[in-house]
Amino acid sequence: MPAPTPVELPVDVTAELVNCRFGPGVVYLSLNEIRQGRTLVAVGRDESFSWWLVEDPINPGGFCWVSAEVTDEKGDVSQLPVAPAPTVTVTKLALRVEPNRIFVDCDQFPQTVFFEAEITANGPTLVAWQWEASTGVVSDVGALVYEESGTQVINEFYRINAPNEYWVKLKILSPNELTEQVAFPVSCAP
């Protein structure tokens, strides 16, 4: 028995500029913009018939989601299969330490070092994270709630009691695993 032929329906972009998103909703990252008058190929829909999964006209072989409110459908959209929303991930992790190098008199310990992490997700999700330091210190697991795509910042500080080559690492535990590490030398003069 042959596999069923995938349903494809043309949809015309009716608004001046339409976002083609990572998932079905404005809470998802916009991947690109499509101009009015363009005809897209819909291959799926959400359950409420309010978003179309279309072949991405800007990234061949890719797909993105457009709102039904800004398109004119050509055909029976009930024939389109329901497409699941994509799995949201942390797409970028940037970590910095301040100061990134310490040189002080040896009687000036302890010193305080500040860490800042920028965590970017491409849609609504719960991000679990944990700090780890070269001294063996491991933080409790923290969580960030993303109601939509975007970047959030977490800050931490750490006391340094002696010269050494230190590092700090931030691990993203979920929804996907990602790790970023920065090193910072600490030295002193007697």
Protein backbone atom coordinates (compact mmCIF):
# COMPACT_ATOMS: atom_id res chain seq x y z
CA MET A 1 0.00 0.00 0.00
CA PRO A 2 1.54 3.34 -0.96
CA ALA A 3 2.15 5.98 1.71
CA PRO A 4 -0.48 8.74 1.76
CA THR A 5 0.45 11.78 -0.26
CA PRO A 6 1.23 14.72 2.02
CA VAL A 7 -1.37 17.46 1.83
CA GLU A 8 -0.05 20.80 0.58
CA LEU A 9 -2.23 23.91 0.25
CA PRO A 10 -1.29 27.33 -1.09
CA VAL A 11 -1.79 30.26 1.29
CA ASP A 12 -1.35 33.86 0.19
CA VAL A 13 0.19 36.44 2.52
CA THR A 14 -2.38 39.26 2.90
CA ALA A 15 -0.65 41.55 5.42
CA GLU A 16 2.17 43.90 4.49
CA LEU A 17 4.83 41.98 6.44
CA VAL A 18 4.23 38.65 8.18
CA ASN A 19 6.43 36.92 10.78
CA CYS A 20 7.25 33.31 10.05
CA ARG A 21 7.81 31.83 13.53
CA PHE A 22 9.53 28.86 15.15
CA GLY A 23 6.20 27.66 16.56
CA PRO A 24 2.44 28.32 16.36
CA GLY A 25 2.06 31.54 18.37
CA VAL A 26 3.50 34.99 18.93
CA VAL A 27 5.38 33.61 21.95
CA TYR A 28 7.76 31.84 19.55
CA LEU A 29 10.85 33.36 17.98
CA SER A 30 10.31 35.02 14.61
CA LEU A 31 12.62 33.31 12.12
CA ASN A 32 12.02 35.72 9.24
CA GLU A 33 9.54 38.09 7.61
CA ILE A 34 7.50 37.47 4.49
CA ARG A 35 6.10 40.23 2.31
CA GLN A 36 2.51 40.67 1.17
CA GLY A 37 1.55 38.88 -2.05
CA ARG A 38 3.83 35.87 -1.50
CA THR A 39 2.22 32.45 -1.85
CA LEU A 40 3.35 29.92 0.73
CA VAL A 41 2.89 26.14 0.81
CA ALA A 42 1.06 25.00 3.97
CA VAL A 43 1.84 21.42 5.03
CA GLY A 44 0.26 21.41 8.51
CA ARG A 45 -1.81 23.36 11.02
CA ASP A 46 -2.39 23.73 14.74
CA GLU A 47 -5.51 22.20 16.33
CA SER A 48 -7.46 25.48 16.31
CA PHE A 49 -6.84 26.27 12.60
CA SER A 50 -5.21 29.57 13.64
CA TRP A 51 -1.61 28.82 12.52
CA TRP A 52 -0.24 27.19 9.37
CA LEU A 53 3.00 25.22 9.20
CA VAL A 54 4.53 26.32 5.90
CA GLU A 55 7.62 25.59 3.84
CA ASP A 56 10.01 28.38 4.77
CA PRO A 57 10.51 30.43 1.58
CA ILE A 58 13.74 31.94 2.89
CA ASN A 59 15.38 28.73 4.20
CA PRO A 60 14.91 25.92 1.62
CA GLY A 61 14.08 22.63 3.29
CA GLY A 62 12.98 24.41 6.48
CA PHE A 63 9.56 25.10 7.93
CA CYS A 64 8.00 27.91 9.95
CA TRP A 65 4.57 28.97 11.23
CA VAL A 66 2.37 31.85 10.00
CA SER A 67 -0.86 33.13 11.51
CA ALA A 68 -4.07 32.30 9.66
CA GLU A 69 -5.19 35.89 10.37
CA VAL A 70 -2.69 37.27 7.84
CA THR A 71 -3.20 34.72 5.07
CA ASP A 72 -5.82 33.71 2.53
CA GLU A 73 -6.08 29.93 2.17
CA LYS A 74 -6.66 28.27 -1.21
CA GLY A 75 -8.41 24.95 -0.53
CA ASP A 76 -9.80 22.80 2.27
CA VAL A 77 -7.60 23.49 5.30
CA SER A 78 -9.32 20.68 7.24
CA GLN A 79 -7.27 18.31 5.02
CA LEU A 80 -4.03 19.65 6.54
CA PRO A 81 -2.66 17.38 9.29
CA VAL A 82 -2.28 18.76 12.83
CA ALA A 83 1.43 19.45 13.31
CA PRO A 84 2.89 19.35 16.82
CA ALA A 85 4.49 22.49 18.24
CA PRO A 86 8.29 22.26 18.10
CA THR A 87 10.45 21.46 21.09
CA VAL A 88 11.79 24.71 22.53
CA THR A 89 15.50 24.87 23.31
CA VAL A 90 18.10 27.19 24.78
CA THR A 91 19.76 28.49 21.62
CA LYS A 92 22.46 30.70 23.13
CA LEU A 93 24.38 30.86 26.38
CA ALA A 94 26.83 33.71 26.99
CA LEU A 95 28.84 33.85 30.22
CA ARG A 96 31.14 36.57 31.47
CA VAL A 97 33.12 37.19 34.65
CA GLU A 98 33.94 40.57 36.14
CA PRO A 99 36.77 41.23 36.74
CA ASN A 100 38.14 38.68 34.29
CA ARG A 101 41.61 38.92 35.84
CA ILE A 102 42.62 39.85 39.40
CA PHE A 103 46.04 41.08 40.55
CA VAL A 104 46.19 42.43 44.10
CA ASP A 105 48.50 42.61 47.10
CA CYS A 106 48.53 39.23 48.85
CA ASP A 107 46.97 40.71 52.00
CA GLN A 108 43.90 41.89 50.03
CA PHE A 109 41.98 38.60 50.07
CA PRO A 110 39.18 37.72 49.95
CA GLN A 111 38.20 39.21 46.59
CA THR A 112 34.72 39.09 45.04
CA VAL A 113 34.09 38.00 41.46
CA PHE A 114 30.76 38.53 39.68
CA PHE A 115 29.32 36.26 37.00
CA GLU A 116 26.64 37.12 34.48
CA ALA A 117 24.94 34.67 32.14
CA GLU A 118 22.62 35.55 29.25
CA ILE A 119 20.35 32.63 28.40
CA THR A 120 18.31 32.76 25.17
CA ALA A 121 15.37 30.43 24.40
CA ASN A 122 13.42 30.26 21.12
CA GLY A 123 9.98 29.89 22.71
CA PRO A 124 8.06 29.38 25.96
CA THR A 125 9.83 26.94 28.29
CA LEU A 126 11.22 26.25 31.74
CA VAL A 127 15.03 26.40 31.88
CA ALA A 128 16.90 24.57 34.66
CA TRP A 129 20.50 25.66 35.32
CA GLN A 130 23.37 25.12 37.75
CA TRP A 131 26.67 26.88 38.50
CA GLU A 132 29.88 24.95 39.09
CA ALA A 133 33.27 26.38 40.12
CA SER A 134 36.84 25.04 39.88
CA THR A 135 36.97 24.98 43.69
CA GLY A 136 34.32 22.22 43.75
CA VAL A 137 31.43 24.48 44.72
CA VAL A 138 28.17 23.53 42.97
CA SER A 139 25.02 25.64 43.29
CA ASP A 140 21.49 24.42 43.81
CA VAL A 141 19.52 23.95 40.60
CA GLY A 142 17.84 27.19 39.56
CA ALA A 143 14.95 27.74 37.18
CA LEU A 144 13.88 30.45 34.74
CA VAL A 145 10.39 30.66 33.26
CA TYR A 146 10.17 31.89 29.66
CA GLU A 147 6.66 32.92 28.69
CA GLU A 148 7.96 33.70 25.21
CA SER A 149 11.18 33.60 23.22
CA GLY A 150 13.91 35.91 24.48
CA THR A 151 16.97 36.35 26.68
CA GLN A 152 17.11 36.39 30.46
CA VAL A 153 20.06 37.20 32.69
CA ILE A 154 21.20 35.53 35.89
CA ASN A 155 23.91 36.89 38.15
CA GLU A 156 26.03 35.27 40.84
CA PHE A 157 29.08 36.27 42.87
CA TYR A 158 31.87 34.26 44.39
CA ARG A 159 34.54 34.97 46.99
CA ILE A 160 38.16 34.17 46.10
CA ASN A 161 40.49 33.58 49.07
CA ALA A 162 43.83 32.90 47.36
CA PRO A 163 45.68 33.23 44.05
CA ASN A 164 45.01 30.48 41.51
CA GLU A 165 43.76 29.77 37.99
CA TYR A 166 39.98 29.64 38.50
CA TRP A 167 37.04 28.81 36.25
CA VAL A 168 33.30 28.93 36.57
CA LYS A 169 30.84 26.95 34.49
CA LEU A 170 27.12 27.36 33.91
CA LYS A 171 25.27 24.22 32.89
CA ILE A 172 21.85 24.35 31.26
CA LEU A 173 20.19 21.10 32.37
CA SER A 174 16.88 21.42 30.52
CA PRO A 175 15.08 21.74 28.14
CA ASN A 176 18.38 20.84 26.42
CA GLU A 177 21.92 20.54 27.72
CA LEU A 178 24.38 23.36 27.11
CA THR A 179 27.51 24.40 29.01
CA GLU A 180 29.59 27.56 28.99
CA GLN A 181 32.80 28.05 30.97
CA VAL A 182 35.05 31.03 31.61
CA ALA A 183 38.46 31.13 33.24
CA PHE A 184 39.87 33.94 35.34
CA PRO A 185 43.42 34.08 36.73
CA VAL A 186 43.93 35.47 40.24
CA SER A 187 47.44 36.45 41.33
CA CYS A 188 49.01 38.56 44.02
CA ALA A 189 52.21 40.34 44.96
CA PRO A 190 53.55 40.11 48.51
